[in-house]
Every structure is written in C-alpha cells, then in structure tokens.
Amino acid sequence: MTLRLGDTAPDFEQDSSAGRIRFHEWIGDSWAVLFSHPADFTPVCTTELGKTAKLKSEFDRRNVKAIGLSVDPLDKHAGWIEDIEATQDCSVEFPIIADVDRKVAQLYDMIHPNQSETVTVRSLFIIDPKKKVRLIITYPLTTGRNFDEVLRVIDALQLTDGSSVATPANWKDGDDVIIPLSFQDEAVIKEKFPKGYRAPRPYLRITPQPDK
C-alpha cells in the first residue's frame, strides 16, 4: 500500500509495550509521530528512542504523541527498553508496537525489499488529529533521524494550519513567514497581515510570524 500526503492514516490494532493499541483511538485529539525501527537491540535505534524519550516535554507542548514500531515481540521490547533507559539516560514513556506479523509495516509500506526483506526501514509519519498523513520521511537503515527537524515540521504544520501563511527554507518558530500567492487583494492582505510585509519580488512577500 502506498500512502500519500493527505491520505487517512490506516487504522490498526496491535500489541505494544503499553498494552493493546487501537491506533485511531489512541491518537484521539492529538497529533502523532509513528516511526519504525529495523529491530530491537540495534545501536542506531537505541539512540533514536532515547532522543524521543528526552523530547517528551517538547512533544507534550505541541500536543503530540510518539509511538515506535519494530517487528520484534513484546518480550524483546521489554529488555530493549531497559537498555535504552540505561544507556541513553532517559525514561521511555511512549509505546513501542510489537509488529511481529508485520501487519502495520505492510499497511504503512515500511518494508523496502531492496534494503531488507525482513525488517522495516526508518519510516516516520506525522499524523494530525483528523488522522490525516501530513509528513512522510524515510531514512535508510544506517542513518539516524533528525528529531529537531521533526519538531520543526510539526511547528510549521501547526502554524500554517492556524494561520494563512507558508514557511521558507530552514524556517524555525519565530522566524518570518511567507504570504501565499492565493492572496492577491491588497485590502485583504492588509487586514490579514497587519504587521505588514516586504516584497523583494511581487511573488515573494515576507511578513513576521502572525502569532508572535
């Protein structure tokens, strides 16, 4: 199955380190980050899960729930979580799905045979409260994810959902933003963007972030 941006994230029911998960029910009114790992007791994954655990307060502040996945069983997850907490100096308080039958991996196209026929690649999905897929990033097995980028994109998605703006390259929360080309009426622009804007080109209109 191929997922595209704007698709409804497939629902599923699967065991996890925090008990049985019914995915859409678990998301509730939150945003979600679903990310897969090739296997338990692997070095890159251990650092990724540790980083996610340490970012709990940042995810909470953005109303985001994190959930991991690997194709290993629950008993291995339990031992691995102990290792993650010991080596990464953290407390893993988010669930890790035990996708032993690869049901979720197939739903989300997480197994790429030219990388591995048996384990998941490093797929990451950002899903909004309406259960729509808003971002898909896939990393190779050997490359750890950049979770600063994950938070940056969540900030951008939440900003642009709430304000009629777009974000430029390398944008971070608090930086200037862009007025979309859909706004052409100058009276509407002045009302919508009272802080004003500068326009190096007619199609490139830069304005302060509205909620700052």
Protein backbone atom coordinates (compact mmCIF):
# COMPACT_ATOMS: atom_id res chain seq x y z
CA MET A 1 0.00 0.00 0.00
CA THR A 2 1.34 3.44 -0.96
CA LEU A 3 0.48 6.30 1.37
CA ARG A 4 0.45 9.90 0.19
CA LEU A 5 0.17 13.20 1.99
CA GLY A 6 -3.44 13.93 2.86
CA ASP A 7 -4.44 10.27 2.98
CA THR A 8 -6.17 8.96 6.08
CA ALA A 9 -3.61 7.09 8.16
CA PRO A 10 -4.57 3.40 8.20
CA ASP A 11 -6.14 2.32 11.47
CA PHE A 12 -4.94 -0.86 13.14
CA GLU A 13 -4.99 -2.82 16.37
CA GLN A 14 -1.71 -4.25 17.61
CA ASP A 15 0.13 -5.15 20.81
CA SER A 16 2.65 -2.70 22.23
CA SER A 17 4.86 -2.18 25.24
CA ALA A 18 2.00 -0.12 26.73
CA GLY A 19 -0.71 -2.70 26.00
CA ARG A 20 -3.08 -3.24 23.11
CA ILE A 21 -3.21 -0.22 20.80
CA ARG A 22 -6.18 0.78 18.67
CA PHE A 23 -4.35 3.40 16.67
CA HIS A 24 -7.01 5.99 15.83
CA GLU A 25 -8.49 5.69 19.30
CA TRP A 26 -5.01 6.07 20.81
CA ILE A 27 -4.33 9.24 18.80
CA GLY A 28 -7.60 10.82 19.97
CA ASP A 29 -7.48 14.61 19.53
CA SER A 30 -3.68 14.72 19.42
CA TRP A 31 -1.08 14.76 16.70
CA ALA A 32 1.01 11.60 16.37
CA VAL A 33 4.50 10.63 15.27
CA LEU A 34 4.67 6.99 14.18
CA PHE A 35 8.20 5.79 13.47
CA SER A 36 9.61 2.36 12.68
CA HIS A 37 12.88 0.67 13.59
CA PRO A 38 14.66 -2.20 11.87
CA ALA A 39 14.97 -4.30 15.03
CA ASP A 40 15.37 -4.26 18.80
CA PHE A 41 18.84 -4.14 20.35
CA THR A 42 20.30 -2.22 17.41
CA PRO A 43 22.59 0.76 18.03
CA VAL A 44 21.10 3.50 15.86
CA CYS A 45 17.55 2.72 17.01
CA THR A 46 18.65 2.81 20.63
CA THR A 47 19.85 6.40 20.23
CA GLU A 48 16.68 7.39 18.37
CA LEU A 49 14.34 6.04 21.03
CA GLY A 50 16.44 7.67 23.72
CA LYS A 51 16.21 11.00 21.93
CA THR A 52 12.45 10.64 21.56
CA ALA A 53 12.11 9.90 25.28
CA LYS A 54 14.10 13.01 26.16
CA LEU A 55 11.87 15.14 23.94
CA LYS A 56 8.68 14.16 25.78
CA SER A 57 8.09 17.65 27.16
CA GLU A 58 8.56 19.15 23.68
CA PHE A 59 6.07 16.69 22.18
CA ASP A 60 3.64 17.32 25.05
CA ARG A 61 3.84 21.08 24.50
CA ARG A 62 2.81 20.55 20.88
CA ASN A 63 0.01 18.06 21.73
CA VAL A 64 1.93 15.24 20.01
CA LYS A 65 2.06 11.56 20.94
CA ALA A 66 5.06 9.46 19.85
CA ILE A 67 4.82 5.75 19.08
CA GLY A 68 7.58 3.46 17.85
CA LEU A 69 7.42 0.17 15.97
CA SER A 70 9.60 -2.83 15.27
CA VAL A 71 8.84 -6.34 14.08
CA ASP A 72 10.22 -7.92 17.25
CA PRO A 73 7.98 -9.37 20.02
CA LEU A 74 6.97 -7.79 23.31
CA ASP A 75 9.45 -9.72 25.46
CA LYS A 76 12.33 -8.31 23.42
CA HIS A 77 10.83 -4.81 23.64
CA ALA A 78 10.86 -5.03 27.45
CA GLY A 79 14.55 -5.91 27.60
CA TRP A 80 15.45 -3.34 24.98
CA ILE A 81 13.63 -0.56 26.82
CA GLU A 82 15.76 -1.34 29.88
CA ASP A 83 18.87 -0.96 27.74
CA ILE A 84 17.63 2.29 26.19
CA GLU A 85 16.95 3.80 29.59
CA ALA A 86 20.31 2.67 30.96
CA THR A 87 22.46 3.77 28.03
CA GLN A 88 20.60 6.93 26.99
CA ASP A 89 19.81 8.25 30.49
CA CYS A 90 16.08 8.57 29.88
CA SER A 91 12.68 7.13 30.72
CA VAL A 92 10.79 5.57 27.79
CA GLU A 93 7.19 6.59 28.40
CA PHE A 94 5.79 6.07 24.90
CA PRO A 95 4.62 2.76 23.41
CA ILE A 96 6.61 0.59 21.03
CA ILE A 97 4.44 -1.56 18.77
CA ALA A 98 5.31 -5.26 18.54
CA ASP A 99 4.54 -5.78 14.87
CA VAL A 100 5.52 -9.44 14.78
CA ASP A 101 3.13 -10.31 11.94
CA ARG A 102 4.24 -7.17 10.06
CA LYS A 103 0.62 -6.07 9.71
CA VAL A 104 1.36 -2.42 10.43
CA ALA A 105 4.57 -2.50 8.40
CA GLN A 106 2.59 -3.63 5.37
CA LEU A 107 -0.15 -1.04 5.91
CA TYR A 108 2.43 1.75 6.04
CA ASP A 109 4.84 0.32 3.42
CA MET A 110 7.69 0.17 5.93
CA ILE A 111 9.48 -2.84 4.43
CA HIS A 112 11.57 -1.96 1.37
CA PRO A 113 12.91 -5.22 -0.12
CA ASN A 114 15.96 -3.60 -1.70
CA GLN A 115 17.02 -2.55 1.80
CA SER A 116 15.81 -5.63 3.68
CA GLU A 117 13.10 -8.21 3.06
CA THR A 118 12.54 -8.86 6.77
CA VAL A 119 12.90 -5.62 8.74
CA THR A 120 11.44 -2.13 8.48
CA VAL A 121 13.35 0.86 7.22
CA ARG A 122 13.35 4.09 9.25
CA SER A 123 9.93 5.39 8.20
CA LEU A 124 8.36 8.31 10.04
CA PHE A 125 4.83 9.65 9.70
CA ILE A 126 3.34 12.79 11.19
CA ILE A 127 -0.43 12.39 11.56
CA ASP A 128 -2.81 15.16 12.57
CA PRO A 129 -5.86 14.94 14.87
CA LYS A 130 -8.10 14.30 11.84
CA LYS A 131 -5.96 11.18 11.23
CA LYS A 132 -4.52 12.62 8.01
CA VAL A 133 -0.92 11.92 7.00
CA ARG A 134 0.89 15.26 6.95
CA LEU A 135 4.54 14.23 6.56
CA ILE A 136 6.40 11.13 5.42
CA ILE A 137 10.17 10.77 5.84
CA THR A 138 12.07 7.56 5.13
CA TYR A 139 15.69 7.10 6.17
CA PRO A 140 17.98 4.21 5.25
CA LEU A 141 18.84 1.59 7.86
CA THR A 142 22.22 3.13 8.66
CA THR A 143 21.14 6.75 9.16
CA GLY A 144 19.57 8.04 12.36
CA ARG A 145 16.72 10.52 12.18
CA ASN A 146 16.96 14.22 12.92
CA PHE A 147 14.31 14.83 15.58
CA ASP A 148 14.99 18.58 15.59
CA GLU A 149 13.63 18.51 12.04
CA VAL A 150 10.60 16.51 13.17
CA LEU A 151 9.76 19.16 15.77
CA ARG A 152 10.42 21.95 13.25
CA VAL A 153 7.98 20.45 10.77
CA ILE A 154 5.33 19.96 13.46
CA ASP A 155 5.71 23.64 14.38
CA ALA A 156 5.33 24.60 10.72
CA LEU A 157 2.29 22.39 10.18
CA GLN A 158 0.54 23.68 13.27
CA LEU A 159 1.35 27.29 12.39
CA THR A 160 0.17 27.02 8.79
CA ASP A 161 -3.00 25.19 9.85
CA GLY A 162 -3.86 28.07 12.15
CA SER A 163 -2.61 30.98 10.02
CA SER A 164 -2.76 31.52 6.26
CA VAL A 165 1.00 31.53 5.73
CA ALA A 166 3.77 29.35 4.34
CA THR A 167 7.23 28.80 5.82
CA PRO A 168 10.51 29.42 3.95
CA ALA A 169 13.60 27.25 3.81
CA ASN A 170 15.12 26.45 7.21
CA TRP A 171 12.27 28.26 8.98
CA LYS A 172 12.14 27.94 12.76
CA ASP A 173 9.47 29.08 15.20
CA GLY A 174 9.67 32.88 15.46
CA ASP A 175 11.18 33.49 12.03
CA ASP A 176 9.46 35.48 9.30
CA VAL A 177 6.98 33.64 7.09
CA ILE A 178 5.64 33.94 3.55
CA ILE A 179 2.29 35.24 2.32
CA PRO A 180 0.85 32.62 -0.06
CA LEU A 181 0.18 33.55 -3.69
CA SER A 182 -3.52 32.85 -3.12
CA PHE A 183 -3.70 36.31 -1.51
CA GLN A 184 -3.74 38.98 -4.23
CA ASP A 185 -6.23 41.57 -2.96
CA GLU A 186 -4.18 44.23 -1.19
CA ALA A 187 -7.04 45.19 1.16
CA VAL A 188 -7.39 41.58 2.27
CA ILE A 189 -3.62 41.30 2.73
CA LYS A 190 -3.53 44.40 4.94
CA GLU A 191 -6.37 43.04 7.05
CA LYS A 192 -4.92 39.54 7.26
CA PHE A 193 -1.32 40.64 7.88
CA PRO A 194 -1.46 43.85 9.92
CA LYS A 195 2.27 43.70 10.68
CA GLY A 196 2.93 44.50 7.03
CA TYR A 197 5.31 42.78 4.63
CA ARG A 198 8.30 43.32 2.37
CA ALA A 199 8.39 42.06 -1.19
CA PRO A 200 11.79 41.50 -2.85
CA ARG A 201 9.70 40.27 -5.78
CA PRO A 202 5.93 40.55 -6.37
CA TYR A 203 5.56 36.80 -5.75
CA LEU A 204 7.84 36.77 -2.68
CA ARG A 205 6.13 38.56 0.21
CA ILE A 206 7.69 38.17 3.64
CA THR A 207 5.86 39.01 6.88
CA PRO A 208 6.50 38.49 10.60
CA GLN A 209 5.10 35.30 12.10
CA PRO A 210 1.47 36.17 12.94
CA ASP A 211 1.30 34.60 16.42
CA LYS A 212 4.48 36.22 17.74
